[in-house]
């Protein structure tokens, strides 16, 4: 969860100034999170790791915060 949050904030800061994460081109589809020798997107991290940990509620709260 911390990795997802940190990279979400880093993505927003790299695209500053922006009013919404939705204004960034493909924010959940771009592979930029390096884990070992692989790169993952926010979407891949969310769907392959976080959802398996049953953290859907927390993810939705975070997404609502950034989307509004």
Protein backbone atom coordinates (compact mmCIF):
# COMPACT_ATOMS: atom_id res chain seq x y z
CA UNK A 1 0.00 0.00 0.00
CA UNK A 2 2.81 2.42 0.86
CA UNK A 3 4.51 1.70 -2.47
CA UNK A 4 1.29 2.45 -4.36
CA UNK A 5 0.70 5.67 -2.42
CA UNK A 6 4.29 6.87 -2.77
CA UNK A 7 4.35 6.29 -6.52
CA UNK A 8 0.94 7.90 -6.97
CA UNK A 9 2.20 11.03 -5.22
CA UNK A 10 5.48 10.91 -7.19
CA UNK A 11 3.54 10.68 -10.46
CA UNK A 12 1.43 13.70 -9.53
CA UNK A 13 4.51 15.69 -8.50
CA UNK A 14 6.30 14.82 -11.77
CA UNK A 15 3.31 16.22 -13.65
CA UNK A 16 2.87 19.29 -11.45
CA UNK A 17 1.02 21.56 -11.93
CA UNK A 18 -2.02 19.40 -12.57
CA UNK A 19 -5.48 19.69 -11.11
CA UNK A 20 -6.28 15.96 -11.21
CA UNK A 21 -4.54 12.66 -11.72
CA UNK A 22 -7.07 12.14 -14.52
CA UNK A 23 -5.32 14.97 -16.42
CA UNK A 24 -2.15 12.85 -16.64
CA UNK A 25 -1.81 10.69 -19.76
CA UNK A 26 -2.48 7.04 -18.82
CA UNK A 27 -1.67 7.37 -15.11
CA UNK A 28 -2.64 3.77 -14.32
CA UNK A 29 -1.23 2.18 -17.49
CA UNK A 30 2.34 3.53 -17.63
CA UNK A 31 5.00 1.13 -16.31
CA UNK A 32 7.21 3.24 -14.05
CA UNK A 33 7.31 1.45 -10.67
CA UNK A 34 10.51 -0.59 -10.47
CA UNK A 35 10.24 -3.76 -8.38
CA UNK A 36 13.32 -5.91 -8.74
CA UNK A 37 14.05 -6.24 -12.44
CA UNK A 38 10.46 -5.47 -13.49
CA UNK A 39 8.52 -2.27 -14.01
CA UNK A 40 4.84 -2.11 -13.15
CA UNK A 41 2.11 0.45 -13.63
CA UNK A 42 -0.14 1.69 -10.83
CA UNK A 43 -2.89 -0.42 -12.38
CA UNK A 44 -0.76 -3.56 -12.44
CA UNK A 45 0.35 -2.99 -8.86
CA UNK A 46 -3.25 -2.49 -7.78
CA UNK A 47 -4.67 -5.49 -9.62
CA UNK A 48 -1.85 -8.00 -9.17
CA UNK A 49 -0.86 -7.30 -5.57
CA UNK A 50 -3.14 -4.98 -3.64
CA UNK A 51 -6.46 -6.52 -4.62
CA UNK A 52 -5.19 -9.92 -3.59
CA UNK A 53 -4.59 -8.44 -0.17
CA UNK A 54 -8.29 -7.48 0.09
CA UNK A 55 -7.55 -3.78 0.32
CA UNK A 56 -10.20 -2.70 -2.16
CA UNK A 57 -11.82 -0.38 0.34
CA UNK A 58 -8.59 1.51 1.01
CA UNK A 59 -7.76 1.76 -2.70
CA UNK A 60 -11.21 3.15 -3.48
CA UNK A 61 -10.92 5.78 -0.74
CA UNK A 62 -7.53 6.85 -2.10
CA UNK A 63 -8.81 6.98 -5.68
CA UNK A 64 -11.86 9.01 -4.63
CA UNK A 65 -9.55 11.48 -2.89
CA UNK A 66 -7.37 11.94 -5.98
CA UNK A 67 -10.23 11.95 -8.48
CA UNK A 68 -12.20 14.69 -6.72
